[in-house]
PDB file of N, CA and C in Angstrom:
ATOM      1  N   MET A   1      53.176  44.007 -60.119  1.00  0.00           N
ATOM      2  CA  MET A   1      54.096  44.154 -59.014  1.00  0.00           C
ATOM      3  C   MET A   1      55.532  44.138 -59.538  1.00  0.00           C
ATOM      4  N   ASP A   2      56.313  45.117 -59.128  1.00  0.00           N
ATOM      5  CA  ASP A   2      57.702  45.105 -59.562  1.00  0.00           C
ATOM      6  C   ASP A   2      58.550  44.272 -58.603  1.00  0.00           C
ATOM      7  N   GLU A   3      59.803  44.086 -58.952  1.00  0.00           N
ATOM      8  CA  GLU A   3      60.674  43.204 -58.174  1.00  0.00           C
ATOM      9  C   GLU A   3      60.890  43.697 -56.743  1.00  0.00           C
ATOM     10  N   LYS A   4      60.955  44.997 -56.549  1.00  0.00           N
ATOM     11  CA  LYS A   4      61.143  45.554 -55.213  1.00  0.00           C
ATOM     12  C   LYS A   4      59.948  45.217 -54.315  1.00  0.00           C
ATOM     13  N   GLU A   5      58.721  45.393 -54.839  1.00  0.00           N
ATOM     14  CA  GLU A   5      57.523  45.074 -54.073  1.00  0.00           C
ATOM     15  C   GLU A   5      57.450  43.589 -53.748  1.00  0.00           C
ATOM     16  N   ILE A   6      57.846  42.763 -54.706  1.00  0.00           N
ATOM     17  CA  ILE A   6      57.837  41.310 -54.500  1.00  0.00           C
ATOM     18  C   ILE A   6      58.793  40.943 -53.368  1.00  0.00           C
ATOM     19  N   ASN A   7      59.995  41.515 -53.394  1.00  0.00           N
ATOM     20  CA  ASN A   7      60.978  41.217 -52.340  1.00  0.00           C
ATOM     21  C   ASN A   7      60.509  41.709 -50.977  1.00  0.00           C
ATOM     22  N   GLU A   8      59.855  42.862 -50.933  1.00  0.00           N
ATOM     23  CA  GLU A   8      59.325  43.377 -49.667  1.00  0.00           C
ATOM     24  C   GLU A   8      58.222  42.460 -49.129  1.00  0.00           C
ATOM     25  N   THR A   9      57.369  41.988 -50.019  1.00  0.00           N
ATOM     26  CA  THR A   9      56.290  41.079 -49.609  1.00  0.00           C
ATOM     27  C   THR A   9      56.873  39.755 -49.122  1.00  0.00           C
ATOM     28  N   ILE A  10      57.887  39.253 -49.794  1.00  0.00           N
ATOM     29  CA  ILE A  10      58.524  38.007 -49.379  1.00  0.00           C
ATOM     30  C   ILE A  10      59.156  38.195 -47.999  1.00  0.00           C
ATOM     31  N   ASP A  11      59.764  39.342 -47.750  1.00  0.00           N
ATOM     32  CA  ASP A  11      60.341  39.618 -46.426  1.00  0.00           C
ATOM     33  C   ASP A  11      59.265  39.613 -45.341  1.00  0.00           C
ATOM     34  N   ARG A  12      58.096  40.212 -45.628  1.00  0.00           N
ATOM     35  CA  ARG A  12      56.994  40.197 -44.658  1.00  0.00           C
ATOM     36  C   ARG A  12      56.491  38.774 -44.417  1.00  0.00           C
ATOM     37  N   ILE A  13      56.430  37.983 -45.469  1.00  0.00           N
ATOM     38  CA  ILE A  13      55.997  36.591 -45.352  1.00  0.00           C
ATOM     39  C   ILE A  13      56.971  35.807 -44.485  1.00  0.00           C
ATOM     40  N   ILE A  14      58.252  36.007 -44.699  1.00  0.00           N
ATOM     41  CA  ILE A  14      59.269  35.299 -43.915  1.00  0.00           C
ATOM     42  C   ILE A  14      59.156  35.669 -42.446  1.00  0.00           C
ATOM     43  N   LYS A  15      58.879  36.934 -42.147  1.00  0.00           N
ATOM     44  CA  LYS A  15      58.704  37.339 -40.743  1.00  0.00           C
ATOM     45  C   LYS A  15      57.501  36.651 -40.123  1.00  0.00           C
ATOM     46  N   GLN A  16      56.410  36.525 -40.879  1.00  0.00           N
ATOM     47  CA  GLN A  16      55.237  35.827 -40.357  1.00  0.00           C
ATOM     48  C   GLN A  16      55.534  34.339 -40.147  1.00  0.00           C
ATOM     49  N   MET A  17      56.318  33.767 -41.048  1.00  0.00           N
ATOM     50  CA  MET A  17      56.707  32.366 -40.902  1.00  0.00           C
ATOM     51  C   MET A  17      57.537  32.164 -39.639  1.00  0.00           C
ATOM     52  N   GLU A  18      58.430  33.100 -39.363  1.00  0.00           N
ATOM     53  CA  GLU A  18      59.259  33.002 -38.155  1.00  0.00           C
ATOM     54  C   GLU A  18      58.403  33.002 -36.895  1.00  0.00           C
ATOM     55  N   LEU A  19      57.335  33.805 -36.897  1.00  0.00           N
ATOM     56  CA  LEU A  19      56.422  33.816 -35.743  1.00  0.00           C
ATOM     57  C   LEU A  19      55.796  32.438 -35.533  1.00  0.00           C
ATOM     58  N   LEU A  20      55.379  31.802 -36.614  1.00  0.00           N
ATOM     59  CA  LEU A  20      54.753  30.479 -36.505  1.00  0.00           C
ATOM     60  C   LEU A  20      55.765  29.406 -36.103  1.00  0.00           C
ATOM     61  N   VAL A  21      56.990  29.512 -36.623  1.00  0.00           N
ATOM     62  CA  VAL A  21      58.020  28.535 -36.292  1.00  0.00           C
ATOM     63  C   VAL A  21      58.370  28.613 -34.808  1.00  0.00           C
ATOM     64  N   ASN A  22      58.313  29.819 -34.237  1.00  0.00           N
ATOM     65  CA  ASN A  22      58.654  30.004 -32.827  1.00  0.00           C
ATOM     66  C   ASN A  22      57.475  29.784 -31.885  1.00  0.00           C
ATOM     67  N   ASP A  23      56.314  29.459 -32.440  1.00  0.00           N
ATOM     68  CA  ASP A  23      55.121  29.182 -31.630  1.00  0.00           C
ATOM     69  C   ASP A  23      55.074  27.690 -31.324  1.00  0.00           C
ATOM     70  N   PHE A  24      55.318  27.343 -30.064  1.00  0.00           N
ATOM     71  CA  PHE A  24      55.405  25.933 -29.701  1.00  0.00           C
ATOM     72  C   PHE A  24      54.048  25.269 -29.530  1.00  0.00           C
ATOM     73  N   SER A  25      52.958  26.001 -29.755  1.00  0.00           N
ATOM     74  CA  SER A  25      51.649  25.362 -29.791  1.00  0.00           C
ATOM     75  C   SER A  25      51.388  24.737 -31.164  1.00  0.00           C
ATOM     76  N   VAL A  26      52.229  25.089 -32.140  1.00  0.00           N
ATOM     77  CA  VAL A  26      52.135  24.532 -33.490  1.00  0.00           C
ATOM     78  C   VAL A  26      52.874  23.183 -33.488  1.00  0.00           C
ATOM     79  N   PRO A  27      52.247  22.129 -34.024  1.00  0.00           N
ATOM     80  CA  PRO A  27      52.902  20.816 -34.051  1.00  0.00           C
ATOM     81  C   PRO A  27      54.257  20.853 -34.764  1.00  0.00           C
ATOM     82  N   LYS A  28      55.130  19.988 -34.337  1.00  0.00           N
ATOM     83  CA  LYS A  28      56.509  19.968 -34.842  1.00  0.00           C
ATOM     84  C   LYS A  28      56.563  19.745 -36.352  1.00  0.00           C
ATOM     85  N   ASN A  29      55.717  18.856 -36.878  1.00  0.00           N
ATOM     86  CA  ASN A  29      55.742  18.592 -38.321  1.00  0.00           C
ATOM     87  C   ASN A  29      55.331  19.837 -39.118  1.00  0.00           C
ATOM     88  N   VAL A  30      54.420  20.622 -38.571  1.00  0.00           N
ATOM     89  CA  VAL A  30      53.978  21.850 -39.244  1.00  0.00           C
ATOM     90  C   VAL A  30      55.085  22.899 -39.172  1.00  0.00           C
ATOM     91  N   ARG A  31      55.715  23.028 -38.007  1.00  0.00           N
ATOM     92  CA  ARG A  31      56.833  23.979 -37.889  1.00  0.00           C
ATOM     93  C   ARG A  31      57.955  23.605 -38.848  1.00  0.00           C
ATOM     94  N   SER A  32      58.172  22.319 -39.014  1.00  0.00           N
ATOM     95  CA  SER A  32      59.201  21.845 -39.937  1.00  0.00           C
ATOM     96  C   SER A  32      58.850  22.225 -41.385  1.00  0.00           C
ATOM     97  N   ALA A  33      57.581  22.053 -41.757  1.00  0.00           N
ATOM     98  CA  ALA A  33      57.146  22.417 -43.110  1.00  0.00           C
ATOM     99  C   ALA A  33      57.250  23.924 -43.336  1.00  0.00           C
ATOM    100  N   ILE A  34      56.934  24.705 -42.307  1.00  0.00           N
ATOM    101  CA  ILE A  34      57.033  26.157 -42.418  1.00  0.00           C
ATOM    102  C   ILE A  34      58.494  26.561 -42.567  1.00  0.00           C
ATOM    103  N   SER A  35      59.374  25.929 -41.805  1.00  0.00           N
ATOM    104  CA  SER A  35      60.813  26.201 -41.921  1.00  0.00           C
ATOM    105  C   SER A  35      61.325  25.854 -43.319  1.00  0.00           C
ATOM    106  N   ASP A  36      60.825  24.731 -43.841  1.00  0.00           N
ATOM    107  CA  ASP A  36      61.204  24.317 -45.189  1.00  0.00           C
ATOM    108  C   ASP A  36      60.740  25.355 -46.208  1.00  0.00           C
ATOM    109  N   ALA A  37      59.512  25.809 -46.070  1.00  0.00           N
ATOM    110  CA  ALA A  37      58.988  26.829 -46.995  1.00  0.00           C
ATOM    111  C   ALA A  37      59.781  28.125 -46.875  1.00  0.00           C
ATOM    112  N   LYS A  38      60.151  28.479 -45.661  1.00  0.00           N
ATOM    113  CA  LYS A  38      60.937  29.697 -45.430  1.00  0.00           C
ATOM    114  C   LYS A  38      62.299  29.594 -46.093  1.00  0.00           C
ATOM    115  N   SER A  39      62.940  28.447 -45.981  1.00  0.00           N
ATOM    116  CA  SER A  39      64.251  28.280 -46.616  1.00  0.00           C
ATOM    117  C   SER A  39      64.133  28.276 -48.136  1.00  0.00           C
ATOM    118  N   ARG A  40      63.033  27.763 -48.641  1.00  0.00           N
ATOM    119  CA  ARG A  40      62.825  27.802 -50.105  1.00  0.00           C
ATOM    120  C   ARG A  40      62.634  29.226 -50.607  1.00  0.00           C
ATOM    121  N   LEU A  41      61.973  30.047 -49.805  1.00  0.00           N
ATOM    122  CA  LEU A  41      61.798  31.453 -50.192  1.00  0.00           C
ATOM    123  C   LEU A  41      63.099  32.237 -50.146  1.00  0.00           C
ATOM    124  N   SER A  42      64.048  31.753 -49.374  1.00  0.00           N
ATOM    125  CA  SER A  42      65.299  32.477 -49.186  1.00  0.00           C
ATOM    126  C   SER A  42      66.376  32.108 -50.201  1.00  0.00           C
ATOM    127  N   THR A  43      66.077  31.194 -51.111  1.00  0.00           N
ATOM    128  CA  THR A  43      67.063  30.804 -52.120  1.00  0.00           C
ATOM    129  C   THR A  43      67.215  31.887 -53.176  1.00  0.00           C
ATOM    130  N   LYS A  44      68.145  31.677 -54.082  1.00  0.00           N
ATOM    131  CA  LYS A  44      68.411  32.655 -55.143  1.00  0.00           C
ATOM    132  C   LYS A  44      67.753  32.275 -56.475  1.00  0.00           C
ATOM    133  N   GLU A  45      66.847  31.307 -56.434  1.00  0.00           N
ATOM    134  CA  GLU A  45      66.153  30.912 -57.651  1.00  0.00           C
ATOM    135  C   GLU A  45      65.185  32.015 -58.089  1.00  0.00           C
ATOM    136  N   ALA A  46      64.599  31.821 -59.254  1.00  0.00           N
ATOM    137  CA  ALA A  46      63.582  32.767 -59.728  1.00  0.00           C
ATOM    138  C   ALA A  46      62.452  32.815 -58.709  1.00  0.00           C
ATOM    139  N   TYR A  47      61.882  34.007 -58.515  1.00  0.00           N
ATOM    140  CA  TYR A  47      60.878  34.154 -57.454  1.00  0.00           C
ATOM    141  C   TYR A  47      59.671  33.254 -57.676  1.00  0.00           C
ATOM    142  N   ILE A  48      59.280  32.992 -58.894  1.00  0.00           N
ATOM    143  CA  ILE A  48      58.110  32.142 -59.148  1.00  0.00           C
ATOM    144  C   ILE A  48      58.365  30.709 -58.675  1.00  0.00           C
ATOM    145  N   VAL A  49      59.593  30.225 -58.824  1.00  0.00           N
ATOM    146  CA  VAL A  49      59.959  28.885 -58.365  1.00  0.00           C
ATOM    147  C   VAL A  49      59.957  28.840 -56.842  1.00  0.00           C
ATOM    148  N   ARG A  50      60.516  29.879 -56.206  1.00  0.00           N
ATOM    149  CA  ARG A  50      60.561  29.934 -54.738  1.00  0.00           C
ATOM    150  C   ARG A  50      59.159  29.973 -54.170  1.00  0.00           C
ATOM    151  N   ILE A  51      58.289  30.776 -54.754  1.00  0.00           N
ATOM    152  CA  ILE A  51      56.928  30.919 -54.261  1.00  0.00           C
ATOM    153  C   ILE A  51      56.143  29.626 -54.448  1.00  0.00           C
ATOM    154  N   SER A  52      56.278  29.009 -55.613  1.00  0.00           N
ATOM    155  CA  SER A  52      55.561  27.750 -55.861  1.00  0.00           C
ATOM    156  C   SER A  52      55.993  26.659 -54.901  1.00  0.00           C
ATOM    157  N   SER A  53      57.290  26.578 -54.625  1.00  0.00           N
ATOM    158  CA  SER A  53      57.804  25.578 -53.686  1.00  0.00           C
ATOM    159  C   SER A  53      57.260  25.824 -52.278  1.00  0.00           C
ATOM    160  N   ALA A  54      57.240  27.090 -51.866  1.00  0.00           N
ATOM    161  CA  ALA A  54      56.733  27.430 -50.539  1.00  0.00           C
ATOM    162  C   ALA A  54      55.246  27.129 -50.423  1.00  0.00           C
ATOM    163  N   ILE A  55      54.486  27.447 -51.453  1.00  0.00           N
ATOM    164  CA  ILE A  55      53.050  27.161 -51.452  1.00  0.00           C
ATOM    165  C   ILE A  55      52.818  25.659 -51.319  1.00  0.00           C
ATOM    166  N   TYR A  56      53.578  24.878 -52.046  1.00  0.00           N
ATOM    167  CA  TYR A  56      53.432  23.419 -51.987  1.00  0.00           C
ATOM    168  C   TYR A  56      53.674  22.902 -50.575  1.00  0.00           C
ATOM    169  N   SER A  57      54.734  23.386 -49.920  1.00  0.00           N
ATOM    170  CA  SER A  57      55.050  22.940 -48.559  1.00  0.00           C
ATOM    171  C   SER A  57      53.952  23.325 -47.577  1.00  0.00           C
ATOM    172  N   LEU A  58      53.483  24.545 -47.669  1.00  0.00           N
ATOM    173  CA  LEU A  58      52.485  25.034 -46.716  1.00  0.00           C
ATOM    174  C   LEU A  58      51.112  24.421 -46.952  1.00  0.00           C
ATOM    175  N   ASP A  59      50.772  24.230 -48.213  1.00  0.00           N
ATOM    176  CA  ASP A  59      49.463  23.678 -48.538  1.00  0.00           C
ATOM    177  C   ASP A  59      49.333  22.246 -47.992  1.00  0.00           C
ATOM    178  N   ALA A  60      50.434  21.532 -47.965  1.00  0.00           N
ATOM    179  CA  ALA A  60      50.417  20.149 -47.488  1.00  0.00           C
ATOM    180  C   ALA A  60      50.065  20.056 -46.005  1.00  0.00           C
ATOM    181  N   VAL A  61      50.394  21.088 -45.211  1.00  0.00           N
ATOM    182  CA  VAL A  61      50.132  21.030 -43.766  1.00  0.00           C
ATOM    183  C   VAL A  61      48.983  21.921 -43.311  1.00  0.00           C
ATOM    184  N   SER A  62      48.409  22.685 -44.219  1.00  0.00           N
ATOM    185  CA  SER A  62      47.361  23.624 -43.809  1.00  0.00           C
ATOM    186  C   SER A  62      46.101  22.926 -43.313  1.00  0.00           C
ATOM    187  N   GLY A  63      45.945  21.674 -43.649  1.00  0.00           N
ATOM    188  CA  GLY A  63      44.759  20.938 -43.214  1.00  0.00           C
ATOM    189  C   GLY A  63      45.018  19.980 -42.057  1.00  0.00           C
ATOM    190  N   ASP A  64      46.185  20.082 -41.447  1.00  0.00           N
ATOM    191  CA  ASP A  64      46.536  19.203 -40.314  1.00  0.00           C
ATOM    192  C   ASP A  64      45.489  19.345 -39.210  1.00  0.00           C
ATOM    193  N   ILE A  65      44.948  18.232 -38.734  1.00  0.00           N
ATOM    194  CA  ILE A  65      43.887  18.288 -37.735  1.00  0.00           C
ATOM    195  C   ILE A  65      44.378  18.751 -36.375  1.00  0.00           C
ATOM    196  N   ASN A  66      45.681  18.658 -36.120  1.00  0.00           N
ATOM    197  CA  ASN A  66      46.239  19.085 -34.836  1.00  0.00           C
ATOM    198  C   ASN A  66      46.658  20.544 -34.830  1.00  0.00           C
ATOM    199  N   LEU A  67      46.428  21.242 -35.912  1.00  0.00           N
ATOM    200  CA  LEU A  67      46.861  22.630 -36.043  1.00  0.00           C
ATOM    201  C   LEU A  67      45.918  23.555 -35.276  1.00  0.00           C
ATOM    202  N   PRO A  68      46.458  24.375 -34.358  1.00  0.00           N
ATOM    203  CA  PRO A  68      45.616  25.328 -33.633  1.00  0.00           C
ATOM    204  C   PRO A  68      44.983  26.337 -34.600  1.00  0.00           C
ATOM    205  N   PRO A  69      43.796  26.820 -34.280  1.00  0.00           N
ATOM    206  CA  PRO A  69      43.102  27.738 -35.199  1.00  0.00           C
ATOM    207  C   PRO A  69      43.915  28.978 -35.583  1.00  0.00           C
ATOM    208  N   GLN A  70      44.642  29.578 -34.632  1.00  0.00           N
ATOM    209  CA  GLN A  70      45.401  30.778 -34.952  1.00  0.00           C
ATOM    210  C   GLN A  70      46.556  30.467 -35.914  1.00  0.00           C
ATOM    211  N   ALA A  71      47.132  29.281 -35.789  1.00  0.00           N
ATOM    212  CA  ALA A  71      48.209  28.885 -36.708  1.00  0.00           C
ATOM    213  C   ALA A  71      47.656  28.611 -38.102  1.00  0.00           C
ATOM    214  N   ARG A  72      46.478  27.978 -38.146  1.00  0.00           N
ATOM    215  CA  ARG A  72      45.842  27.704 -39.438  1.00  0.00           C
ATOM    216  C   ARG A  72      45.538  29.021 -40.157  1.00  0.00           C
ATOM    217  N   THR A  73      45.028  29.999 -39.414  1.00  0.00           N
ATOM    218  CA  THR A  73      44.741  31.308 -40.002  1.00  0.00           C
ATOM    219  C   THR A  73      46.027  31.960 -40.492  1.00  0.00           C
ATOM    220  N   GLY A  74      47.109  31.840 -39.712  1.00  0.00           N
ATOM    221  CA  GLY A  74      48.393  32.390 -40.120  1.00  0.00           C
ATOM    222  C   GLY A  74      48.910  31.763 -41.402  1.00  0.00           C
ATOM    223  N   ILE A  75      48.770  30.441 -41.505  1.00  0.00           N
ATOM    224  CA  ILE A  75      49.214  29.749 -42.720  1.00  0.00           C
ATOM    225  C   ILE A  75      48.356  30.179 -43.903  1.00  0.00           C
ATOM    226  N   TRP A  76      47.055  30.292 -43.703  1.00  0.00           N
ATOM    227  CA  TRP A  76      46.194  30.728 -44.802  1.00  0.00           C
ATOM    228  C   TRP A  76      46.538  32.154 -45.249  1.00  0.00           C
ATOM    229  N   ASN A  77      46.865  33.018 -44.300  1.00  0.00           N
ATOM    230  CA  ASN A  77      47.273  34.384 -44.658  1.00  0.00           C
ATOM    231  C   ASN A  77      48.558  34.373 -45.473  1.00  0.00           C
ATOM    232  N   ILE A  78      49.507  33.537 -45.055  1.00  0.00           N
ATOM    233  CA  ILE A  78      50.768  33.426 -45.794  1.00  0.00           C
ATOM    234  C   ILE A  78      50.502  32.892 -47.194  1.00  0.00           C
ATOM    235  N   LEU A  79      49.679  31.850 -47.289  1.00  0.00           N
ATOM    236  CA  LEU A  79      49.357  31.296 -48.612  1.00  0.00           C
ATOM    237  C   LEU A  79      48.689  32.332 -49.500  1.00  0.00           C
ATOM    238  N   SER A  80      47.813  33.137 -48.922  1.00  0.00           N
ATOM    239  CA  SER A  80      47.137  34.175 -49.684  1.00  0.00           C
ATOM    240  C   SER A  80      48.135  35.211 -50.204  1.00  0.00           C
ATOM    241  N   MET A  81      49.066  35.598 -49.345  1.00  0.00           N
ATOM    242  CA  MET A  81      50.079  36.570 -49.776  1.00  0.00           C
ATOM    243  C   MET A  81      50.966  35.993 -50.865  1.00  0.00           C
ATOM    244  N   LEU A  82      51.332  34.716 -50.734  1.00  0.00           N
ATOM    245  CA  LEU A  82      52.152  34.072 -51.759  1.00  0.00           C
ATOM    246  C   LEU A  82      51.405  33.989 -53.083  1.00  0.00           C
ATOM    247  N   GLU A  83      50.125  33.621 -53.025  1.00  0.00           N
ATOM    248  CA  GLU A  83      49.321  33.526 -54.253  1.00  0.00           C
ATOM    249  C   GLU A  83      49.180  34.889 -54.928  1.00  0.00           C
ATOM    250  N   SER A  84      49.096  35.954 -54.116  1.00  0.00           N
ATOM    251  CA  SER A  84      48.909  37.287 -54.699  1.00  0.00           C
ATOM    252  C   SER A  84      50.143  37.747 -55.473  1.00  0.00           C
ATOM    253  N   ILE A  85      51.329  37.330 -55.063  1.00  0.00           N
ATOM    254  CA  ILE A  85      52.523  37.746 -55.806  1.00  0.00           C
ATOM    255  C   ILE A  85      52.919  36.731 -56.863  1.00  0.00           C
ATOM    256  N   LYS A  86      52.314  35.549 -56.817  1.00  0.00           N
ATOM    257  CA  LYS A  86      52.625  34.516 -57.818  1.00  0.00           C
ATOM    258  C   LYS A  86      52.091  34.917 -59.193  1.00  0.00           C
ATOM    259  N   THR A  87      50.940  35.571 -59.211  1.00  0.00           N
ATOM    260  CA  THR A  87      50.324  35.913 -60.490  1.00  0.00           C
ATOM    261  C   THR A  87      50.748  37.256 -61.014  1.00  0.00           C
TER     262      THR A  87
END
């Protein structure tokens, strides 16, 4: 993957994160973690550092028992996309 494709994928991921952050059926702590991951992706650090930080934030909340099924699926999709560009 070249840098342009990586940036396009990150932009798509950020848009999906915004959908989850604006979904009020998602618990507040999970929305906060998603916002944190989104802000980490938006920094100017090396993309591998940004992606690893975002994965760490999202992975911590992906197993929350209060998470609605559609939000859990959304987080798993985001994690999958992040993992695909990490390697």
